Amino acid sequence: MVEKKKETTRRGAGNDDGIKRVIVEMAMPKGESARAFDMAGSFDAAGFQVDTSFDPVPAGETPDPELAMKLEESGQETIFVRGSIDAKKIKDLEAQENVIGVWIDTEISPFNVEIQQESEQEFYQEPGLGGGNCPIPPCDCDHGTAACSKGSLTDVANYLGVNKIWAKGHRGENMVVGIVDGGIAAKGRASAGTIPNVIGGWPTTDWGTKALWGRHGNMTSTDALGMAPKAHLYDIRISDGNAISNALAGFQWAIGRHKINGTPHVLSNSWGIYQKNWDPSYATDPNHPFTRKVVEAINEGILVLFAAGNCGEGCTTSSRCGNDFGPGKSIWGANGHPRVMTVGAANIQGRLIGYSSQGPASLSAHKPDFCGISHFTGYFTCDTGTSAACPIAAGVVALLKQCNRSLSQDAAKQALKATAMNIGPAGWDQHSGSGIIRAKAAYDRICAPTTTCQAYRIKAIRYRNIYRRTNRRHYLCVYYHYLALYYRCLYTKNRNRRYLCIAYKYYAYSLNCRYRVTGNRQYLCRAYQYMAAYFKCLYAITRNRTYLTQYRRYLLFYEKCRLRGRNDSF
């Protein structure tokens, strides 16, 4: 048994009456998740019904260090299961021996502004409640035909410089973007399916067959492909039941796939909660099960983007926002986590879309991060909201990932922020973030090392060939020098320490070569120093003590050379 701290429950909103669907975190022996349903079914909490259709989800790293230590000592791990119970009995459930916490399985929703009706080719806007205070005038508050008149997906690509990235040979080949949404009607999977390049998804039995949430997922997938047309898509459908437990399971599926084959590379999320009172726990607690799972996905190496939301005060806001609109009251939960890329909305005229949610977010003061593009003709006549802006940015991130396979979440975010076009006050602001992303500028920042590294390699080959023709040792020294620069460049780009080790070795070869050409002992001493660094680097990677012995040997040579002026080469 793992002793729990008091007050572990993080319950969502809603009245205290009636049956509630809940997410339960419980401890159990490692490797025995198959027994989760039996254990959950044995809880002595009247009326708790475990949902056997929901596969147990591993909780991952436990945020409480003390609890994590106790779990490790007892050989246990925590998992999430789903079930239902009378709201009045939740405290009984959380008091069970192996229960760590209980959360309401809260409602989620797509960030719609205008919703395409299945039966007609026209839009409607929900009645507004407030707003109209544009923070960066003039705001784009257009709807209907006016909103659609600002261009097409091609215009968006040209505006962001994506067409110039395509000209460089990057169109998303071999990239996989996960569309976490209401489902995709995929070609070859759904009758009258229209979305291409969908290669898998979750739920695993019927991915690609449904487009719920008013075909919202068809829109977001089309917009992502508009920027990365050769990318593949995963349809991660979380709309069944409109509950956050599905998002938890969908992210877990993505993490599992990534562990197997490195995909998806990117996850695009254009959904969330509109009001804090939908679930105060999810809205404000960074240790909510789903928010923890988002961080786990980022730590796994998946690049994660979330739409900021559509409750900004610059335009009349939707009734779904209630009184939660404007700065500090419109970005809730994982959408505003410090680690995610939080995407606001602007148009190709460089104007902020006024209903784009504003920071500070509940989990980070420095939100949103930047703006994608919205209000254009894409899947619908009008692709609108931060829902459209997020997959536009996700498609751009897929192109950046294609040219730099080691691209991390933090590096992608910083590159997009550093190169964004400012549309508000100087620097970052709580309304537009760092401004509108500039895809080509971010590409040049992230992918320039590829060109530089290749240039070093070409020069190395050139001087090797000259040495072979002339047999002049000077050219051999230059060859080694450019090889060192090449591998150092690869290390800077990829942060793979093996490249750094190889760079140290070729620096040593180059300096030793120069010593043999010039007789200058300073070159020899520095060569010993780099050889010591080379073996120290190898030892740090492998922990092979043979490398440690060699490191000490060359370090001693360096000290002797520096103090006594040794003449012999190695």
Protein backbone atom coordinates (compact mmCIF):
# COMPACT_ATOMS: atom_id res chain seq x y z
CA MET A 1 0.00 0.00 0.00
CA VAL A 2 1.19 3.52 -0.81
CA GLU A 3 0.25 6.06 1.84
CA LYS A 4 -1.54 8.99 0.26
CA LYS A 5 -1.38 12.61 1.25
CA LYS A 6 -4.62 14.24 2.29
CA GLU A 7 -6.67 16.23 -0.19
CA THR A 8 -5.51 14.33 -3.25
CA THR A 9 -8.81 14.80 -5.08
CA ARG A 10 -8.90 17.38 -7.84
CA ARG A 11 -12.57 17.45 -8.71
CA GLY A 12 -14.08 19.29 -11.63
CA ALA A 13 -16.99 21.63 -11.77
CA GLY A 14 -20.64 20.84 -11.65
CA ASN A 15 -23.19 20.20 -8.95
CA ASP A 16 -22.72 17.52 -6.33
CA ASP A 17 -25.71 15.49 -7.45
CA GLY A 18 -26.08 12.74 -10.00
CA ILE A 19 -23.79 10.22 -11.62
CA LYS A 20 -20.42 11.59 -12.67
CA ARG A 21 -17.88 10.04 -15.01
CA VAL A 22 -14.46 10.21 -13.36
CA ILE A 23 -10.80 9.51 -14.02
CA VAL A 24 -9.16 7.57 -11.19
CA GLU A 25 -5.42 7.37 -10.63
CA MET A 26 -4.53 4.25 -8.71
CA ALA A 27 -1.36 2.47 -7.64
CA MET A 28 -0.68 -1.15 -8.52
CA PRO A 29 2.32 -3.47 -8.93
CA LYS A 30 4.46 -2.72 -11.95
CA GLY A 31 3.64 -4.76 -15.03
CA GLU A 32 0.23 -5.84 -13.78
CA SER A 33 -2.01 -3.31 -15.52
CA ALA A 34 -4.07 -6.23 -16.86
CA ARG A 35 -5.46 -6.53 -13.32
CA ALA A 36 -6.54 -2.87 -13.24
CA PHE A 37 -10.22 -3.58 -13.86
CA ASP A 38 -10.34 -6.25 -11.16
CA MET A 39 -8.70 -3.93 -8.66
CA ALA A 40 -10.91 -0.98 -9.58
CA GLY A 41 -14.00 -3.15 -9.45
CA SER A 42 -13.15 -4.20 -5.91
CA PHE A 43 -13.16 -0.68 -4.49
CA ASP A 44 -15.40 -0.44 -1.45
CA ALA A 45 -17.16 2.67 -2.77
CA ALA A 46 -20.88 2.23 -3.26
CA GLY A 47 -21.95 2.50 -6.85
CA PHE A 48 -18.54 2.88 -8.53
CA GLN A 49 -18.66 1.30 -11.99
CA VAL A 50 -15.38 0.84 -13.82
CA ASP A 51 -15.54 1.46 -17.58
CA THR A 52 -13.99 -1.62 -19.17
CA SER A 53 -14.19 -0.05 -22.64
CA PHE A 54 -11.50 2.43 -21.60
CA ASP A 55 -8.06 0.83 -21.63
CA PRO A 56 -5.97 1.71 -18.56
CA VAL A 57 -3.52 4.53 -19.27
CA PRO A 58 -0.11 4.59 -17.55
CA ALA A 59 0.20 7.77 -15.50
CA GLY A 60 3.87 8.28 -16.31
CA GLU A 61 6.06 10.30 -13.98
CA THR A 62 4.37 11.18 -10.69
CA PRO A 63 4.68 14.91 -9.92
CA ASP A 64 4.94 14.36 -6.15
CA PRO A 65 8.59 13.37 -5.42
CA GLU A 66 7.70 11.81 -2.07
CA LEU A 67 4.97 9.69 -3.62
CA ALA A 68 7.25 8.76 -6.53
CA MET A 69 9.87 7.50 -4.08
CA LYS A 70 7.33 5.44 -2.16
CA LEU A 71 6.01 3.92 -5.36
CA GLU A 72 9.53 2.99 -6.45
CA GLU A 73 10.35 1.44 -3.09
CA SER A 74 7.17 -0.64 -3.16
CA GLY A 75 7.57 -1.71 -6.80
CA GLN A 76 4.41 0.05 -7.87
CA GLU A 77 3.30 2.39 -10.63
CA THR A 78 0.16 4.46 -11.14
CA ILE A 79 -2.38 4.14 -13.91
CA PHE A 80 -5.57 5.92 -14.91
CA VAL A 81 -8.89 4.14 -15.26
CA ARG A 82 -12.29 5.58 -16.08
CA GLY A 83 -15.57 4.91 -14.39
CA SER A 84 -18.73 6.47 -13.02
CA ILE A 85 -20.00 7.13 -9.53
CA ASP A 86 -22.55 9.21 -7.68
CA ALA A 87 -20.97 12.61 -7.07
CA LYS A 88 -21.74 12.31 -3.35
CA LYS A 89 -19.62 9.15 -3.16
CA ILE A 90 -16.45 10.59 -4.73
CA LYS A 91 -14.83 11.13 -1.32
CA ASP A 92 -15.45 7.48 -0.52
CA LEU A 93 -13.73 6.53 -3.75
CA GLU A 94 -10.68 8.69 -3.12
CA ALA A 95 -10.36 7.17 0.35
CA GLN A 96 -9.76 3.70 -1.11
CA GLU A 97 -6.45 2.10 -0.25
CA ASN A 98 -4.75 2.33 -3.66
CA VAL A 99 -6.46 5.42 -5.05
CA ILE A 100 -4.09 8.36 -5.56
CA GLY A 101 -6.58 10.87 -6.95
CA VAL A 102 -9.99 11.30 -8.56
CA TRP A 103 -10.84 13.82 -11.27
CA ILE A 104 -14.12 14.64 -12.99
CA ASP A 105 -13.98 13.51 -16.64
CA THR A 106 -14.70 17.01 -17.87
CA GLU A 107 -16.36 18.19 -21.07
CA ILE A 108 -14.17 19.44 -23.93
CA SER A 109 -15.11 21.27 -27.11
CA PRO A 110 -13.62 22.35 -30.44
CA PHE A 111 -12.74 26.02 -30.72
CA ASN A 112 -15.43 26.88 -33.24
CA VAL A 113 -16.31 30.40 -34.22
CA GLU A 114 -18.62 29.54 -37.08
CA ILE A 115 -19.89 26.02 -37.49
CA GLN A 116 -20.47 24.35 -40.83
CA GLN A 117 -23.82 22.62 -40.88
CA GLU A 118 -23.87 19.11 -42.25
CA SER A 119 -27.09 19.78 -44.19
CA GLU A 120 -26.38 23.16 -45.73
CA GLN A 121 -23.59 25.30 -47.16
CA GLU A 122 -23.92 28.28 -44.86
CA PHE A 123 -22.65 29.38 -41.48
CA TYR A 124 -24.09 30.71 -38.31
CA GLN A 125 -22.53 32.64 -35.45
CA GLU A 126 -23.52 32.12 -31.87
CA PRO A 127 -24.90 35.19 -30.15
CA GLY A 128 -22.25 37.26 -28.41
CA LEU A 129 -22.08 38.40 -24.82
CA GLY A 130 -19.30 40.95 -24.53
CA GLY A 131 -15.99 42.24 -25.77
CA GLY A 132 -15.30 44.69 -28.56
CA ASN A 133 -12.27 46.25 -26.87
CA CYS A 134 -9.59 45.74 -29.55
CA PRO A 135 -6.14 45.55 -27.91
CA ILE A 136 -4.16 46.00 -31.17
CA PRO A 137 -6.35 48.03 -33.52
CA PRO A 138 -7.69 47.55 -36.03
CA CYS A 139 -8.85 44.05 -35.10
CA ASP A 140 -10.36 41.67 -37.62
CA CYS A 141 -13.86 40.93 -36.34
CA ASP A 142 -15.30 39.88 -39.68
CA HIS A 143 -17.59 36.89 -40.06
CA GLY A 144 -19.27 35.19 -42.99
CA THR A 145 -18.34 36.42 -46.46
CA ALA A 146 -16.10 39.20 -45.16
CA ALA A 147 -14.01 36.73 -43.15
CA CYS A 148 -13.65 34.45 -46.17
CA SER A 149 -12.48 37.18 -48.53
CA LYS A 150 -8.91 37.37 -47.22
CA GLY A 151 -7.42 34.62 -49.34
CA SER A 152 -6.93 30.91 -49.81
CA LEU A 153 -4.57 28.33 -48.34
CA THR A 154 -2.19 29.13 -51.19
CA ASP A 155 -2.27 32.80 -50.20
CA VAL A 156 -1.52 31.82 -46.60
CA ALA A 157 1.46 29.72 -47.73
CA ASN A 158 2.82 32.58 -49.82
CA TYR A 159 2.27 35.11 -47.02
CA LEU A 160 4.21 33.01 -44.50
CA GLY A 161 6.99 32.17 -46.97
CA VAL A 162 6.07 28.48 -46.97
CA ASN A 163 6.27 28.45 -50.78
CA LYS A 164 9.97 29.35 -50.45
CA ILE A 165 10.47 26.38 -48.14
CA TRP A 166 8.80 24.16 -50.73
CA ALA A 167 11.29 25.51 -53.28
CA LYS A 168 14.07 24.25 -51.00
CA GLY A 169 12.70 20.73 -51.36
CA HIS A 170 10.77 20.45 -48.09
CA ARG A 171 7.05 19.80 -48.43
CA GLY A 172 6.57 17.54 -45.41
CA GLU A 173 7.84 14.28 -46.88
CA ASN A 174 8.19 11.53 -44.23
CA MET A 175 6.62 13.76 -41.57
CA VAL A 176 3.55 12.66 -39.59
CA VAL A 177 1.21 15.20 -38.00
CA GLY A 178 -1.32 13.96 -35.46
CA ILE A 179 -4.64 15.82 -35.73
CA VAL A 180 -6.16 15.58 -32.25
CA ASP A 181 -9.73 16.58 -33.02
CA GLY A 182 -13.23 15.42 -33.82
CA GLY A 183 -12.18 12.84 -36.40
CA ILE A 184 -11.29 12.88 -40.09
CA ALA A 185 -13.29 11.54 -43.04
CA ALA A 186 -10.27 10.03 -44.79
CA LYS A 187 -9.96 8.90 -48.38
CA GLY A 188 -10.29 5.14 -48.53
CA ARG A 189 -11.67 4.90 -44.97
CA ALA A 190 -14.97 6.78 -44.97
CA SER A 191 -17.68 6.83 -47.58
CA ALA A 192 -17.23 10.11 -49.43
CA GLY A 193 -14.00 10.61 -47.48
CA THR A 194 -12.07 13.57 -48.86
CA ILE A 195 -8.95 14.06 -46.70
CA PRO A 196 -5.79 12.52 -48.21
CA ASN A 197 -2.61 11.20 -46.58
CA VAL A 198 -4.30 9.75 -43.46
CA ILE A 199 -2.28 6.65 -42.55
CA GLY A 200 -3.48 5.64 -39.08
CA GLY A 201 -4.94 6.83 -35.85
CA TRP A 202 -6.91 6.27 -32.69
CA PRO A 203 -9.31 4.66 -31.88
CA THR A 204 -7.41 1.97 -33.73
CA THR A 205 -10.50 0.16 -35.00
CA ASP A 206 -12.24 2.99 -36.85
CA TRP A 207 -9.84 5.90 -37.35
CA GLY A 208 -10.50 7.94 -40.45
CA THR A 209 -14.16 6.96 -40.62
CA LYS A 210 -15.92 9.77 -38.75
CA ALA A 211 -15.84 13.56 -38.88
CA LEU A 212 -17.71 14.70 -35.78
CA TRP A 213 -17.72 18.20 -34.23
CA GLY A 214 -19.20 19.61 -37.44
CA ARG A 215 -16.30 18.26 -39.57
CA HIS A 216 -13.92 20.37 -37.52
CA GLY A 217 -11.19 17.71 -37.92
CA ASN A 218 -11.55 17.83 -41.70
CA MET A 219 -10.85 21.56 -41.50
CA THR A 220 -7.80 21.31 -39.23
CA SER A 221 -6.29 18.44 -41.23
CA THR A 222 -6.78 20.34 -44.50
CA ASP A 223 -5.09 23.40 -43.03
CA ALA A 224 -2.08 21.40 -41.79
CA LEU A 225 -1.70 19.79 -45.23
CA GLY A 226 -1.99 23.23 -46.79
CA MET A 227 1.44 24.03 -45.29
CA ALA A 228 2.96 20.54 -45.47
CA PRO A 229 1.21 18.91 -48.45
CA LYS A 230 3.39 15.78 -48.52
CA ALA A 231 3.03 15.06 -44.80
CA HIS A 232 1.06 12.10 -43.51
CA LEU A 233 -1.66 12.41 -40.89
CA TYR A 234 -2.80 10.46 -37.86
CA ASP A 235 -6.49 10.87 -37.07
CA ILE A 236 -6.64 10.98 -33.25
CA ARG A 237 -10.38 11.28 -32.63
CA ILE A 238 -11.20 12.51 -29.13
CA SER A 239 -14.79 13.62 -29.75
CA ASP A 240 -16.51 10.35 -28.78
CA GLY A 241 -18.27 11.46 -25.60
CA ASN A 242 -16.61 14.90 -25.64
CA ALA A 243 -14.61 14.02 -22.51
CA ILE A 244 -11.01 14.73 -21.63
CA SER A 245 -10.38 11.05 -20.85
CA ASN A 246 -10.41 10.45 -24.60
CA ALA A 247 -7.71 13.09 -25.08
CA LEU A 248 -5.71 11.36 -22.34
CA ALA A 249 -5.98 8.03 -24.15
CA GLY A 250 -5.32 9.58 -27.57
CA PHE A 251 -2.11 11.21 -26.36
CA GLN A 252 -1.06 7.92 -24.77
CA TRP A 253 -1.54 6.20 -28.13
CA ALA A 254 0.62 8.86 -29.80
CA ILE A 255 3.35 8.43 -27.16
CA GLY A 256 3.28 4.67 -27.67
CA ARG A 257 3.61 5.04 -31.44
CA HIS A 258 6.47 7.48 -31.03
CA LYS A 259 8.35 5.00 -28.86
CA ILE A 260 8.00 2.41 -31.63
CA ASN A 261 8.78 4.38 -34.79
CA GLY A 262 9.28 8.05 -33.92
CA THR A 263 5.85 9.20 -35.15
CA PRO A 264 3.87 11.39 -34.88
CA HIS A 265 6.37 14.20 -35.12
CA VAL A 266 3.78 16.90 -34.38
CA LEU A 267 0.44 17.02 -32.55
CA SER A 268 -2.06 19.76 -33.44
CA ASN A 269 -4.83 20.54 -30.93
CA SER A 270 -7.65 23.01 -31.70
CA TRP A 271 -9.90 22.30 -28.75
CA GLY A 272 -10.17 22.84 -25.01
CA ILE A 273 -12.52 24.37 -22.45
CA TYR A 274 -14.14 27.77 -22.81
CA GLN A 275 -14.71 28.60 -19.16
CA LYS A 276 -12.88 27.97 -15.91
CA ASN A 277 -16.06 26.68 -14.27
CA TRP A 278 -16.26 23.86 -16.80
CA ASP A 279 -13.55 22.28 -14.65
CA PRO A 280 -11.52 24.49 -12.28
CA SER A 281 -9.10 21.62 -11.68
CA TYR A 282 -8.20 21.08 -15.30
CA ALA A 283 -8.25 24.84 -15.92
CA THR A 284 -5.66 25.70 -13.27
CA ASP A 285 -3.80 22.60 -12.06
CA PRO A 286 -0.58 21.71 -13.95
CA ASN A 287 -0.74 18.24 -12.35
CA HIS A 288 -4.08 17.34 -13.92
CA PRO A 289 -3.80 13.89 -15.57
CA PHE A 290 -4.16 15.20 -19.11
CA THR A 291 -1.74 18.10 -18.65
CA ARG A 292 0.81 15.67 -17.24
CA LYS A 293 0.31 13.50 -20.32
CA VAL A 294 0.93 16.50 -22.61
CA VAL A 295 4.25 17.16 -20.87
CA GLU A 296 5.08 13.45 -21.19
CA ALA A 297 4.49 13.67 -24.95
CA ILE A 298 6.81 16.68 -25.21
CA ASN A 299 9.48 14.90 -23.17
CA GLU A 300 9.11 11.92 -25.50
CA GLY A 301 10.11 14.21 -28.37
CA ILE A 302 6.74 15.06 -29.94
CA LEU A 303 6.21 18.71 -30.89
CA VAL A 304 2.89 19.84 -29.39
CA LEU A 305 0.78 22.86 -30.40
CA PHE A 306 -2.51 24.06 -28.90
CA ALA A 307 -4.92 26.74 -30.07
CA ALA A 308 -5.18 29.57 -27.56
CA GLY A 309 -8.98 29.71 -27.78
CA ASN A 310 -11.60 32.11 -29.08
CA CYS A 311 -12.54 34.18 -26.05
CA GLY A 312 -10.52 37.34 -26.61
CA GLU A 313 -12.07 40.71 -25.83
CA GLY A 314 -11.26 42.37 -29.16
CA CYS A 315 -14.50 41.21 -30.79
CA THR A 316 -17.90 40.18 -29.56
CA THR A 317 -17.30 36.79 -27.99
CA SER A 318 -19.29 33.59 -28.17
CA SER A 319 -21.87 32.79 -25.51
CA ARG A 320 -19.79 29.68 -24.76
CA CYS A 321 -17.17 31.95 -23.16
CA GLY A 322 -19.66 33.12 -20.55
CA ASN A 323 -17.92 35.81 -18.50
CA ASP A 324 -14.50 34.26 -19.15
CA PHE A 325 -13.15 36.43 -21.95
CA GLY A 326 -10.20 38.75 -22.31
CA PRO A 327 -6.79 38.91 -20.60
CA GLY A 328 -6.23 36.32 -17.92
CA LYS A 329 -9.62 34.67 -18.40
CA SER A 330 -9.48 32.94 -21.77
CA ILE A 331 -6.61 30.40 -21.95
CA TRP A 332 -7.23 27.45 -19.64
CA GLY A 333 -5.53 24.16 -18.89
CA ALA A 334 -2.93 22.48 -21.11
CA ASN A 335 -3.53 25.02 -23.89
CA GLY A 336 -1.50 27.50 -21.85
CA HIS A 337 1.12 25.21 -20.33
CA PRO A 338 4.62 26.77 -20.44
CA ARG A 339 6.00 23.88 -22.52
CA VAL A 340 3.38 23.84 -25.31
CA MET A 341 3.28 26.13 -28.33
CA THR A 342 0.16 28.24 -27.76
CA VAL A 343 -1.19 29.69 -31.01
CA GLY A 344 -3.29 32.84 -31.39
CA ALA A 345 -4.89 34.04 -34.62
CA ALA A 346 -4.23 36.84 -37.12
CA ASN A 347 -5.00 37.30 -40.82
CA ILE A 348 -2.81 37.79 -43.90
CA GLN A 349 -3.36 41.53 -43.68
CA GLY A 350 -1.28 41.50 -40.50
CA ARG A 351 -4.26 42.20 -38.24
CA LEU A 352 -5.02 40.46 -34.95
CA ILE A 353 -8.28 38.52 -35.02
CA GLY A 354 -9.99 40.15 -32.08
CA TYR A 355 -11.60 37.09 -30.50
CA SER A 356 -8.20 35.30 -30.23
CA SER A 357 -7.75 34.42 -26.54
CA GLN A 358 -5.39 36.58 -24.52
CA GLY A 359 -2.84 35.89 -21.82
CA PRO A 360 -1.86 35.45 -19.17
CA ALA A 361 -2.90 31.81 -19.28
CA SER A 362 -3.82 30.08 -16.06
CA LEU A 363 -0.63 28.00 -16.23
CA SER A 364 1.78 30.57 -17.70
CA ALA A 365 1.96 34.35 -17.71
CA HIS A 366 3.81 34.37 -21.03
CA LYS A 367 1.01 33.30 -23.39
CA PRO A 368 0.16 33.12 -26.24
CA ASP A 369 3.50 32.35 -27.91
CA PHE A 370 2.69 33.57 -31.44
CA CYS A 371 -0.07 33.79 -34.02
CA GLY A 372 -0.91 31.54 -36.93
CA ILE A 373 -3.16 32.60 -39.79
CA SER A 374 -6.95 32.31 -39.84
CA HIS A 375 -9.90 33.73 -41.84
CA PHE A 376 -9.18 32.15 -45.22
CA THR A 377 -10.81 29.70 -47.60
CA GLY A 378 -9.60 26.18 -46.85
CA TYR A 379 -11.73 23.11 -46.18
CA PHE A 380 -14.73 25.32 -45.56
CA THR A 381 -15.47 28.50 -47.40
CA CYS A 382 -14.28 30.08 -44.16
CA ASP A 383 -11.65 28.41 -41.98
CA THR A 384 -11.77 30.52 -38.85
CA GLY A 385 -10.70 30.89 -35.26
CA THR A 386 -7.54 29.81 -33.50
CA SER A 387 -8.77 26.38 -34.62
CA ALA A 388 -7.50 27.17 -38.12
CA ALA A 389 -4.44 29.11 -36.95
CA CYS A 390 -3.10 26.18 -34.90
CA PRO A 391 -2.85 23.57 -37.71
CA ILE A 392 -1.35 26.24 -40.00
CA ALA A 393 1.42 26.62 -37.43
CA ALA A 394 1.60 22.83 -36.98
CA GLY A 395 2.15 22.36 -40.72
CA VAL A 396 4.98 24.90 -40.59
CA VAL A 397 6.51 23.08 -37.61
CA ALA A 398 6.38 19.83 -39.63
CA LEU A 399 8.47 21.51 -42.35
CA LEU A 400 10.98 22.72 -39.75
CA LYS A 401 11.15 19.22 -38.29
CA GLN A 402 11.71 17.77 -41.75
CA CYS A 403 14.81 19.86 -42.31
CA ASN A 404 16.11 19.35 -38.76
CA ARG A 405 15.12 15.95 -37.43
CA SER A 406 16.56 16.71 -33.98
CA LEU A 407 14.37 19.79 -33.57
CA SER A 408 13.04 19.99 -30.02
CA GLN A 409 9.89 21.58 -28.65
CA ASP A 410 11.79 24.43 -27.04
CA ALA A 411 13.96 25.06 -30.11
CA ALA A 412 10.97 25.14 -32.44
CA LYS A 413 9.07 27.51 -30.16
CA GLN A 414 12.01 29.87 -29.71
CA ALA A 415 12.77 29.97 -33.44
CA LEU A 416 9.17 30.81 -34.31
CA LYS A 417 9.00 33.47 -31.61
CA ALA A 418 12.36 35.02 -32.49
CA THR A 419 11.48 35.35 -36.18
CA ALA A 420 7.81 36.34 -35.81
CA MET A 421 6.53 39.59 -37.32
CA ASN A 422 5.52 41.89 -34.51
CA ILE A 423 2.02 43.34 -34.86
CA GLY A 424 1.52 44.75 -31.37
CA PRO A 425 3.67 46.54 -28.82
CA ALA A 426 7.43 46.06 -29.20
CA GLY A 427 8.47 42.54 -28.29
CA TRP A 428 6.10 39.98 -26.85
CA ASP A 429 2.60 40.98 -25.75
CA GLN A 430 -0.30 39.13 -24.13
CA HIS A 431 -2.56 39.59 -27.15
CA SER A 432 -0.53 38.42 -30.18
CA GLY A 433 2.45 36.84 -28.42
CA SER A 434 5.60 37.51 -30.43
CA GLY A 435 3.52 38.24 -33.53
CA ILE A 436 2.70 36.36 -36.72
CA ILE A 437 4.96 33.43 -37.50
CA ARG A 438 7.26 33.80 -40.50
CA ALA A 439 7.84 30.30 -41.75
CA LYS A 440 10.78 31.00 -44.07
CA ALA A 441 12.61 33.11 -41.47
CA ALA A 442 12.21 30.32 -38.88
CA TYR A 443 13.34 27.80 -41.49
CA ASP A 444 16.48 29.81 -42.21
CA ARG A 445 17.23 30.05 -38.50
CA ILE A 446 16.75 26.34 -37.82
CA CYS A 447 17.96 24.83 -41.07
CA ALA A 448 20.90 27.12 -41.93
CA PRO A 449 23.32 24.82 -40.06
CA THR A 450 22.51 22.12 -42.60
CA THR A 451 23.87 24.31 -45.38
CA THR A 452 26.89 25.32 -43.30
CA CYS A 453 27.72 21.74 -42.36
CA GLN A 454 27.47 20.63 -45.97
CA ALA A 455 29.77 23.48 -47.00
CA TYR A 456 32.40 22.29 -44.51
CA ARG A 457 32.08 18.74 -45.83
CA ILE A 458 32.51 19.91 -49.43
CA LYS A 459 35.64 21.86 -48.50
CA ALA A 460 37.03 18.86 -46.63
CA ILE A 461 36.58 16.66 -49.71
CA ARG A 462 38.14 19.32 -51.90
CA TYR A 463 41.33 19.54 -49.81
CA ARG A 464 41.55 15.76 -49.45
CA ASN A 465 41.53 15.46 -53.24
CA ILE A 466 44.16 18.19 -53.58
CA TYR A 467 46.37 16.37 -51.07
CA ARG A 468 46.00 13.13 -52.99
CA ARG A 469 47.07 14.88 -56.20
CA THR A 470 49.97 16.88 -54.74
CA ASN A 471 51.00 14.86 -51.68
CA ARG A 472 51.60 18.18 -49.89
CA ARG A 473 50.99 17.72 -46.20
CA HIS A 474 49.66 21.25 -45.81
CA TYR A 475 46.49 20.24 -47.66
CA LEU A 476 46.11 17.19 -45.42
CA CYS A 477 46.13 19.52 -42.41
CA VAL A 478 43.41 21.70 -43.95
CA TYR A 479 41.39 18.57 -44.78
CA TYR A 480 41.45 17.51 -41.11
CA HIS A 481 40.54 21.05 -40.05
CA TYR A 482 37.42 21.15 -42.21
CA LEU A 483 36.41 17.67 -41.07
CA ALA A 484 36.60 18.96 -37.50
CA LEU A 485 34.43 21.96 -38.43
CA TYR A 486 31.95 19.65 -40.19
CA TYR A 487 31.45 17.41 -37.16
CA ARG A 488 31.35 20.37 -34.78
CA CYS A 489 28.62 21.84 -36.98
CA LEU A 490 26.67 18.56 -36.87
CA TYR A 491 26.95 18.59 -33.08
CA THR A 492 25.65 22.17 -32.91
CA LYS A 493 22.71 21.16 -35.08
CA ASN A 494 21.85 17.80 -33.53
CA ARG A 495 23.38 17.88 -30.04
CA ASN A 496 24.62 14.32 -30.58
CA ARG A 497 27.78 14.08 -28.45
CA ARG A 498 29.36 11.51 -30.74
CA TYR A 499 29.74 14.26 -33.33
CA LEU A 500 31.51 16.40 -30.74
CA CYS A 501 33.89 13.54 -29.94
CA ILE A 502 34.75 13.09 -33.61
CA ALA A 503 35.29 16.85 -33.95
CA TYR A 504 37.82 16.76 -31.10
CA LYS A 505 39.67 13.91 -32.83
CA TYR A 506 39.99 15.75 -36.14
CA TYR A 507 41.03 18.96 -34.39
CA ALA A 508 43.83 16.90 -32.83
CA TYR A 509 44.79 15.40 -36.22
CA SER A 510 44.86 18.85 -37.80
CA LEU A 511 47.06 20.33 -35.07
CA ASN A 512 49.44 17.37 -35.08
CA CYS A 513 49.69 17.71 -38.85
CA ARG A 514 50.55 21.40 -38.49
CA TYR A 515 53.22 20.56 -35.94
CA ARG A 516 54.83 18.14 -38.38
CA VAL A 517 54.75 20.80 -41.12
CA THR A 518 55.96 23.75 -39.04
CA GLY A 519 57.78 22.25 -36.07
CA ASN A 520 55.90 24.61 -33.77
CA ARG A 521 55.48 22.73 -30.47
CA GLN A 522 52.41 24.74 -29.50
CA TYR A 523 50.50 22.82 -32.16
CA LEU A 524 51.62 19.54 -30.64
CA CYS A 525 50.57 20.53 -27.13
CA ARG A 526 47.15 21.56 -28.34
CA ALA A 527 46.89 18.30 -30.29
CA TYR A 528 47.46 16.37 -27.05
CA GLN A 529 44.82 18.54 -25.38
CA TYR A 530 42.23 17.72 -28.06
CA MET A 531 43.06 14.01 -27.96
CA ALA A 532 42.45 14.11 -24.21
CA ALA A 533 39.13 15.83 -24.86
CA TYR A 534 38.30 13.17 -27.47
CA PHE A 535 38.75 10.25 -25.08
CA LYS A 536 37.03 12.09 -22.23
CA CYS A 537 34.07 12.65 -24.53
CA LEU A 538 33.96 8.95 -25.47
CA TYR A 539 34.13 7.94 -21.83
CA ALA A 540 31.23 10.28 -20.97
CA ILE A 541 29.09 8.52 -23.60
CA THR A 542 30.09 4.90 -23.04
CA ARG A 543 31.53 4.75 -19.50
CA ASN A 544 34.20 2.47 -20.96
CA ARG A 545 37.16 2.78 -18.61
CA THR A 546 39.61 2.12 -21.45
CA TYR A 547 38.69 5.56 -22.77
CA LEU A 548 39.21 7.01 -19.30
CA THR A 549 42.73 5.55 -19.25
CA GLN A 550 43.50 7.07 -22.65
CA TYR A 551 42.12 10.43 -21.51
CA ARG A 552 44.47 10.45 -18.54
CA ARG A 553 47.37 9.40 -20.75
CA TYR A 554 46.91 12.25 -23.23
CA LEU A 555 46.22 14.72 -20.45
CA LEU A 556 49.60 13.78 -18.99
CA PHE A 557 51.23 14.21 -22.44
CA TYR A 558 49.65 17.66 -22.68
CA GLU A 559 50.94 18.72 -19.27
CA LYS A 560 54.44 17.48 -20.06
CA CYS A 561 54.40 19.12 -23.47
CA ARG A 562 53.21 22.42 -22.04
CA LEU A 563 55.79 22.42 -19.23
CA ARG A 564 58.82 20.80 -20.89
CA GLY A 565 58.36 21.28 -24.61
CA ARG A 566 58.26 17.73 -25.95
CA ASN A 567 59.27 17.30 -29.58
CA ASP A 568 57.73 14.00 -30.61
CA SER A 569 54.53 13.68 -32.56
CA PHE A 570 51.84 11.05 -32.01
